[in-house]
Amino acid sequence: MNSRLIPLYAIVLSLLLLSSVFHVEASTDVQECPANRVLSQRSKRWILSYPINGGFAKMVFGFLSPIRFHHTLPRSCNLSLNIQANYRILPNIIFPRPESIFKNRGNSEYTDTSRKQFYVLVEKMLTSWNRNGRSCLLRTICEVAETSLRHNGLVGELFEVVFTPHETDQLDSEYMMARKYGANGVDCMRMYAECPLGHGLLDTNSAIQI
């Protein structure tokens, strides 16, 4: 070992020993401190990224329109108008709420019938449009199971969640069969011929890329 580095090693070793001694003395003082009970108590840890008293909700409504003008240089100009509204979110619930909703959530015997009620509403809506409501709804379930919609983002995922029935929904067996038909590659248009092209929910707002 180089003789010139020996004093340096000695200084570093001395500093380490002193720091360990100070640490032991500090921990001993904490144990003997009368406020030891207060120091040992656990405190709540708050995340600073979110407000703890409700915060504010902000809505922004805007309109953006391009302005066209003739110029020798390629330029672009946009006109933007927006309206902002801030609302304070209260930390507690002050509006009246039916207690039965919270009781049903904690009741293990409660059966969720929201999907069944929604399907009945969709069938009535399609029937009011002079269409076969039940057949068109079944064809929609079949088509959603046949071709995935998740690549469309949030809207596609919502369509799959809404029009994908499950065994726990206590629906008629024909809804589950429509899902199985689509998952197995059955021609949904031929299976539900009572709902011709143009009457389905996905006919006017979607397209299949071949």
C-alpha atoms as a PDB file:
ATOM      1  CA  MET A   1       0.000   0.000   0.000  1.00  0.00           C
ATOM      2  CA  ASN A   2       1.252   3.460  -0.806  1.00  0.00           C
ATOM      3  CA  SER A   3       2.534   5.183   2.326  1.00  0.00           C
ATOM      4  CA  ARG A   4       1.036   8.491   1.229  1.00  0.00           C
ATOM      5  CA  LEU A   5      -2.518   7.048   1.314  1.00  0.00           C
ATOM      6  CA  ILE A   6      -2.264   5.737   4.876  1.00  0.00           C
ATOM      7  CA  PRO A   7      -3.095   9.122   6.510  1.00  0.00           C
ATOM      8  CA  LEU A   8      -6.100   9.513   4.191  1.00  0.00           C
ATOM      9  CA  TYR A   9      -7.454   6.086   5.130  1.00  0.00           C
ATOM     10  CA  ALA A  10      -6.956   6.898   8.782  1.00  0.00           C
ATOM     11  CA  ILE A  11      -8.988  10.121   8.476  1.00  0.00           C
ATOM     12  CA  VAL A  12     -11.865   8.356   6.667  1.00  0.00           C
ATOM     13  CA  LEU A  13     -11.933   5.579   9.273  1.00  0.00           C
ATOM     14  CA  SER A  14     -11.997   8.128  12.092  1.00  0.00           C
ATOM     15  CA  LEU A  15     -14.952   9.964  10.532  1.00  0.00           C
ATOM     16  CA  LEU A  16     -16.895   6.713  10.183  1.00  0.00           C
ATOM     17  CA  LEU A  17     -16.280   5.832  13.825  1.00  0.00           C
ATOM     18  CA  LEU A  18     -17.362   9.289  14.990  1.00  0.00           C
ATOM     19  CA  SER A  19     -20.563   9.163  12.938  1.00  0.00           C
ATOM     20  CA  SER A  20     -21.481   5.768  14.394  1.00  0.00           C
ATOM     21  CA  VAL A  21     -20.870   7.060  17.938  1.00  0.00           C
ATOM     22  CA  PHE A  22     -23.074  10.102  17.323  1.00  0.00           C
ATOM     23  CA  HIS A  23     -25.799   7.851  15.918  1.00  0.00           C
ATOM     24  CA  VAL A  24     -25.767   5.651  19.020  1.00  0.00           C
ATOM     25  CA  GLU A  25     -25.909   8.673  21.333  1.00  0.00           C
ATOM     26  CA  ALA A  26     -28.773  10.230  19.360  1.00  0.00           C
ATOM     27  CA  SER A  27     -30.793   7.010  19.435  1.00  0.00           C
ATOM     28  CA  THR A  28     -30.167   6.711  23.196  1.00  0.00           C
ATOM     29  CA  ASP A  29     -31.429  10.246  23.720  1.00  0.00           C
ATOM     30  CA  VAL A  30     -34.606   9.448  21.803  1.00  0.00           C
ATOM     31  CA  GLN A  31     -35.260   6.373  23.908  1.00  0.00           C
ATOM     32  CA  GLU A  32     -34.742   8.312  27.143  1.00  0.00           C
ATOM     33  CA  CYS A  33     -36.755  11.325  25.961  1.00  0.00           C
ATOM     34  CA  PRO A  34     -40.087  11.810  27.799  1.00  0.00           C
ATOM     35  CA  ALA A  35     -41.748  12.536  24.459  1.00  0.00           C
ATOM     36  CA  ASN A  36     -40.773   9.094  23.189  1.00  0.00           C
ATOM     37  CA  ARG A  37     -44.404   8.061  22.954  1.00  0.00           C
ATOM     38  CA  VAL A  38     -45.212  10.978  20.676  1.00  0.00           C
ATOM     39  CA  LEU A  39     -42.245  10.264  18.416  1.00  0.00           C
ATOM     40  CA  SER A  40     -43.158   6.606  18.037  1.00  0.00           C
ATOM     41  CA  GLN A  41     -46.731   7.263  16.918  1.00  0.00           C
ATOM     42  CA  ARG A  42     -47.625   6.737  13.265  1.00  0.00           C
ATOM     43  CA  SER A  43     -48.938   9.701  11.330  1.00  0.00           C
ATOM     44  CA  LYS A  44     -51.026   9.874   8.183  1.00  0.00           C
ATOM     45  CA  ARG A  45     -49.134  10.378   4.965  1.00  0.00           C
ATOM     46  CA  TRP A  46     -50.839  12.706   2.494  1.00  0.00           C
ATOM     47  CA  ILE A  47     -50.175  12.662  -1.208  1.00  0.00           C
ATOM     48  CA  LEU A  48     -49.384  16.204  -2.234  1.00  0.00           C
ATOM     49  CA  SER A  49     -50.513  15.741  -5.815  1.00  0.00           C
ATOM     50  CA  TYR A  50     -54.193  15.686  -4.819  1.00  0.00           C
ATOM     51  CA  PRO A  51     -56.128  18.182  -2.704  1.00  0.00           C
ATOM     52  CA  ILE A  52     -57.342  16.967   0.678  1.00  0.00           C
ATOM     53  CA  ASN A  53     -60.347  19.279   0.982  1.00  0.00           C
ATOM     54  CA  GLY A  54     -62.220  18.444  -2.175  1.00  0.00           C
ATOM     55  CA  GLY A  55     -60.377  20.696  -4.615  1.00  0.00           C
ATOM     56  CA  PHE A  56     -61.984  22.250  -7.670  1.00  0.00           C
ATOM     57  CA  ALA A  57     -63.600  20.940 -10.826  1.00  0.00           C
ATOM     58  CA  LYS A  58     -62.938  22.925 -13.959  1.00  0.00           C
ATOM     59  CA  MET A  59     -64.916  22.761 -17.189  1.00  0.00           C
ATOM     60  CA  VAL A  60     -63.675  24.377 -20.359  1.00  0.00           C
ATOM     61  CA  PHE A  61     -65.926  24.883 -23.370  1.00  0.00           C
ATOM     62  CA  GLY A  62     -64.159  26.062 -26.467  1.00  0.00           C
ATOM     63  CA  PHE A  63     -64.554  26.654 -30.165  1.00  0.00           C
ATOM     64  CA  LEU A  64     -61.700  26.560 -32.627  1.00  0.00           C
ATOM     65  CA  SER A  65     -62.029  27.592 -36.240  1.00  0.00           C
ATOM     66  CA  PRO A  66     -59.339  28.027 -38.896  1.00  0.00           C
ATOM     67  CA  ILE A  67     -59.138  31.359 -40.698  1.00  0.00           C
ATOM     68  CA  ARG A  68     -58.307  31.214 -44.372  1.00  0.00           C
ATOM     69  CA  PHE A  69     -56.524  34.071 -46.069  1.00  0.00           C
ATOM     70  CA  HIS A  70     -54.469  34.445 -49.226  1.00  0.00           C
ATOM     71  CA  HIS A  71     -50.782  35.053 -48.828  1.00  0.00           C
ATOM     72  CA  THR A  72     -47.699  34.197 -50.790  1.00  0.00           C
ATOM     73  CA  LEU A  73     -46.170  32.427 -47.810  1.00  0.00           C
ATOM     74  CA  PRO A  74     -47.816  29.305 -46.401  1.00  0.00           C
ATOM     75  CA  ARG A  75     -49.278  30.383 -43.092  1.00  0.00           C
ATOM     76  CA  SER A  76     -52.034  29.288 -40.746  1.00  0.00           C
ATOM     77  CA  CYS A  77     -54.183  31.284 -38.364  1.00  0.00           C
ATOM     78  CA  ASN A  78     -56.763  29.938 -35.919  1.00  0.00           C
ATOM     79  CA  LEU A  79     -59.447  31.702 -33.912  1.00  0.00           C
ATOM     80  CA  SER A  80     -60.119  30.168 -30.502  1.00  0.00           C
ATOM     81  CA  LEU A  81     -62.831  31.134 -28.026  1.00  0.00           C
ATOM     82  CA  ASN A  82     -63.366  29.347 -24.718  1.00  0.00           C
ATOM     83  CA  ILE A  83     -65.406  29.676 -21.553  1.00  0.00           C
ATOM     84  CA  GLN A  84     -64.166  28.359 -18.227  1.00  0.00           C
ATOM     85  CA  ALA A  85     -66.156  27.496 -15.127  1.00  0.00           C
ATOM     86  CA  ASN A  86     -64.699  26.485 -11.768  1.00  0.00           C
ATOM     87  CA  TYR A  87     -66.678  24.596  -9.153  1.00  0.00           C
ATOM     88  CA  ARG A  88     -65.525  23.787  -5.662  1.00  0.00           C
ATOM     89  CA  ILE A  89     -65.807  20.102  -4.767  1.00  0.00           C
ATOM     90  CA  LEU A  90     -66.974  19.602  -1.209  1.00  0.00           C
ATOM     91  CA  PRO A  91     -65.081  17.043   0.885  1.00  0.00           C
ATOM     92  CA  ASN A  92     -68.307  15.458   2.143  1.00  0.00           C
ATOM     93  CA  ILE A  93     -71.671  14.550   0.652  1.00  0.00           C
ATOM     94  CA  ILE A  94     -74.351  17.113   1.459  1.00  0.00           C
ATOM     95  CA  PHE A  95     -77.016  16.192  -1.100  1.00  0.00           C
ATOM     96  CA  PRO A  96     -79.796  13.736  -0.176  1.00  0.00           C
ATOM     97  CA  ARG A  97     -79.244  10.157  -1.282  1.00  0.00           C
ATOM     98  CA  PRO A  98     -81.429   7.063  -0.995  1.00  0.00           C
ATOM     99  CA  GLU A  99     -80.063   4.761   1.665  1.00  0.00           C
ATOM    100  CA  SER A 100     -81.380   1.715  -0.207  1.00  0.00           C
ATOM    101  CA  ILE A 101     -78.629   2.096  -2.814  1.00  0.00           C
ATOM    102  CA  PHE A 102     -75.890   1.719  -0.227  1.00  0.00           C
ATOM    103  CA  LYS A 103     -77.729  -1.129   1.478  1.00  0.00           C
ATOM    104  CA  ASN A 104     -78.062  -3.016  -1.806  1.00  0.00           C
ATOM    105  CA  ARG A 105     -74.340  -2.679  -2.468  1.00  0.00           C
ATOM    106  CA  GLY A 106     -73.560  -4.436   0.786  1.00  0.00           C
ATOM    107  CA  ASN A 107     -76.244  -7.093   0.328  1.00  0.00           C
ATOM    108  CA  SER A 108     -74.775 -10.327  -1.023  1.00  0.00           C
ATOM    109  CA  GLU A 109     -78.207 -11.466  -2.241  1.00  0.00           C
ATOM    110  CA  TYR A 110     -78.709  -8.366  -4.380  1.00  0.00           C
ATOM    111  CA  THR A 111     -78.760  -9.056  -8.128  1.00  0.00           C
ATOM    112  CA  ASP A 112     -77.671  -6.362 -10.537  1.00  0.00           C
ATOM    113  CA  THR A 113     -80.299  -6.023 -13.278  1.00  0.00           C
ATOM    114  CA  SER A 114     -78.910  -2.900 -14.909  1.00  0.00           C
ATOM    115  CA  ARG A 115     -77.851  -4.724 -18.088  1.00  0.00           C
ATOM    116  CA  LYS A 116     -81.260  -6.342 -18.465  1.00  0.00           C
ATOM    117  CA  GLN A 117     -83.003  -3.006 -18.005  1.00  0.00           C
ATOM    118  CA  PHE A 118     -80.697  -1.379 -20.538  1.00  0.00           C
ATOM    119  CA  TYR A 119     -81.346  -4.099 -23.122  1.00  0.00           C
ATOM    120  CA  VAL A 120     -85.094  -3.659 -22.678  1.00  0.00           C
ATOM    121  CA  LEU A 121     -84.668   0.071 -23.229  1.00  0.00           C
ATOM    122  CA  VAL A 122     -82.603  -0.491 -26.392  1.00  0.00           C
ATOM    123  CA  GLU A 123     -85.171  -2.921 -27.781  1.00  0.00           C
ATOM    124  CA  LYS A 124     -87.985  -0.441 -27.191  1.00  0.00           C
ATOM    125  CA  MET A 125     -85.973   2.305 -28.857  1.00  0.00           C
ATOM    126  CA  LEU A 126     -85.285   0.175 -31.934  1.00  0.00           C
ATOM    127  CA  THR A 127     -88.911  -0.903 -32.097  1.00  0.00           C
ATOM    128  CA  SER A 128     -90.004   2.743 -32.065  1.00  0.00           C
ATOM    129  CA  TRP A 129     -87.815   3.202 -35.159  1.00  0.00           C
ATOM    130  CA  ASN A 130     -89.872   0.551 -36.992  1.00  0.00           C
ATOM    131  CA  ARG A 131     -87.191  -2.102 -36.546  1.00  0.00           C
ATOM    132  CA  ASN A 132     -87.134  -5.524 -34.966  1.00  0.00           C
ATOM    133  CA  GLY A 133     -85.748  -4.507 -31.602  1.00  0.00           C
ATOM    134  CA  ARG A 134     -84.910  -7.957 -30.229  1.00  0.00           C
ATOM    135  CA  SER A 135     -83.349  -9.252 -33.433  1.00  0.00           C
ATOM    136  CA  CYS A 136     -81.278  -6.101 -34.009  1.00  0.00           C
ATOM    137  CA  LEU A 137     -80.000  -6.147 -30.442  1.00  0.00           C
ATOM    138  CA  LEU A 138     -79.031  -9.807 -30.750  1.00  0.00           C
ATOM    139  CA  ARG A 139     -77.240  -9.093 -34.027  1.00  0.00           C
ATOM    140  CA  THR A 140     -75.336  -6.259 -32.342  1.00  0.00           C
ATOM    141  CA  ILE A 141     -74.225  -8.587 -29.541  1.00  0.00           C
ATOM    142  CA  CYS A 142     -73.175 -11.147 -32.131  1.00  0.00           C
ATOM    143  CA  GLU A 143     -71.201  -8.604 -34.177  1.00  0.00           C
ATOM    144  CA  VAL A 144     -69.427  -7.200 -31.117  1.00  0.00           C
ATOM    145  CA  ALA A 145     -68.325 -10.720 -30.178  1.00  0.00           C
ATOM    146  CA  GLU A 146     -67.301 -11.439 -33.776  1.00  0.00           C
ATOM    147  CA  THR A 147     -65.080  -8.394 -34.367  1.00  0.00           C
ATOM    148  CA  SER A 148     -63.217  -6.655 -31.554  1.00  0.00           C
ATOM    149  CA  LEU A 149     -63.775  -2.931 -31.041  1.00  0.00           C
ATOM    150  CA  ARG A 150     -60.998  -2.257 -28.513  1.00  0.00           C
ATOM    151  CA  HIS A 151     -58.725  -0.692 -31.117  1.00  0.00           C
ATOM    152  CA  ASN A 152     -61.221   2.201 -31.309  1.00  0.00           C
ATOM    153  CA  GLY A 153     -60.176   3.453 -27.894  1.00  0.00           C
ATOM    154  CA  LEU A 154     -62.553   4.285 -25.077  1.00  0.00           C
ATOM    155  CA  VAL A 155     -65.693   4.240 -27.249  1.00  0.00           C
ATOM    156  CA  GLY A 156     -64.881   0.769 -28.546  1.00  0.00           C
ATOM    157  CA  GLU A 157     -64.209  -0.567 -25.061  1.00  0.00           C
ATOM    158  CA  LEU A 158     -67.519   0.848 -23.832  1.00  0.00           C
ATOM    159  CA  PHE A 159     -69.360  -0.845 -26.710  1.00  0.00           C
ATOM    160  CA  GLU A 160     -67.764  -4.175 -25.796  1.00  0.00           C
ATOM    161  CA  VAL A 161     -68.584  -3.794 -22.114  1.00  0.00           C
ATOM    162  CA  VAL A 162     -72.216  -2.850 -22.769  1.00  0.00           C
ATOM    163  CA  PHE A 163     -72.964  -5.405 -25.490  1.00  0.00           C
ATOM    164  CA  THR A 164     -71.107  -8.362 -23.979  1.00  0.00           C
ATOM    165  CA  PRO A 165     -73.516 -10.231 -21.686  1.00  0.00           C
ATOM    166  CA  HIS A 166     -72.323 -12.632 -19.007  1.00  0.00           C
ATOM    167  CA  GLU A 167     -73.805 -15.670 -17.316  1.00  0.00           C
ATOM    168  CA  THR A 168     -74.247 -13.748 -14.060  1.00  0.00           C
ATOM    169  CA  ASP A 169     -76.564 -11.170 -15.658  1.00  0.00           C
ATOM    170  CA  GLN A 170     -79.594 -13.520 -15.503  1.00  0.00           C
ATOM    171  CA  LEU A 171     -80.652 -12.793 -19.065  1.00  0.00           C
ATOM    172  CA  ASP A 172     -82.492 -14.982 -21.531  1.00  0.00           C
ATOM    173  CA  SER A 173     -80.402 -17.706 -23.113  1.00  0.00           C
ATOM    174  CA  GLU A 174     -80.703 -16.151 -26.568  1.00  0.00           C
ATOM    175  CA  TYR A 175     -78.454 -13.266 -25.502  1.00  0.00           C
ATOM    176  CA  MET A 176     -75.706 -15.662 -24.490  1.00  0.00           C
ATOM    177  CA  MET A 177     -76.218 -17.654 -27.693  1.00  0.00           C
ATOM    178  CA  ALA A 178     -75.801 -14.472 -29.740  1.00  0.00           C
ATOM    179  CA  ARG A 179     -72.478 -13.876 -28.048  1.00  0.00           C
ATOM    180  CA  LYS A 180     -71.379 -17.468 -28.690  1.00  0.00           C
ATOM    181  CA  TYR A 181     -72.421 -17.232 -32.348  1.00  0.00           C
ATOM    182  CA  GLY A 182     -70.218 -14.199 -32.868  1.00  0.00           C
ATOM    183  CA  ALA A 183     -67.277 -15.664 -30.955  1.00  0.00           C
ATOM    184  CA  ASN A 184     -67.426 -18.832 -33.099  1.00  0.00           C
ATOM    185  CA  GLY A 185     -67.493 -16.930 -36.391  1.00  0.00           C
ATOM    186  CA  VAL A 186     -71.143 -17.483 -37.333  1.00  0.00           C
ATOM    187  CA  ASP A 187     -72.564 -15.081 -39.924  1.00  0.00           C
ATOM    188  CA  CYS A 188     -74.543 -12.682 -37.723  1.00  0.00           C
ATOM    189  CA  MET A 189     -76.378 -11.122 -40.659  1.00  0.00           C
ATOM    190  CA  ARG A 190     -77.690 -14.503 -41.800  1.00  0.00           C
ATOM    191  CA  MET A 191     -78.434 -15.714 -38.287  1.00  0.00           C
ATOM    192  CA  TYR A 192     -80.587 -12.668 -37.528  1.00  0.00           C
ATOM    193  CA  ALA A 193     -82.141 -12.004 -40.903  1.00  0.00           C
ATOM    194  CA  GLU A 194     -85.073 -10.192 -39.274  1.00  0.00           C
ATOM    195  CA  CYS A 195     -82.670  -7.262 -38.809  1.00  0.00           C
ATOM    196  CA  PRO A 196     -81.550  -6.385 -42.353  1.00  0.00           C
ATOM    197  CA  LEU A 197     -78.582  -4.257 -43.300  1.00  0.00           C
ATOM    198  CA  GLY A 198     -79.034  -0.671 -42.158  1.00  0.00           C
ATOM    199  CA  HIS A 199     -81.179  -1.528 -39.137  1.00  0.00           C
ATOM    200  CA  GLY A 200     -78.398  -2.596 -36.774  1.00  0.00           C
ATOM    201  CA  LEU A 201     -76.775  -0.355 -34.213  1.00  0.00           C
ATOM    202  CA  LEU A 202     -73.340  -0.738 -35.799  1.00  0.00           C
ATOM    203  CA  ASP A 203     -74.420  -0.358 -39.420  1.00  0.00           C
ATOM    204  CA  THR A 204     -74.378   3.435 -39.537  1.00  0.00           C
ATOM    205  CA  ASN A 205     -71.465   4.236 -37.238  1.00  0.00           C
ATOM    206  CA  SER A 206     -68.913   1.521 -37.980  1.00  0.00           C
ATOM    207  CA  ALA A 207     -67.219  -0.228 -40.866  1.00  0.00           C
ATOM    208  CA  ILE A 208     -65.305  -3.480 -41.226  1.00  0.00           C
ATOM    209  CA  GLN A 209     -61.896  -3.220 -42.855  1.00  0.00           C
ATOM    210  CA  ILE A 210     -61.276  -6.162 -45.162  1.00  0.00           C
END
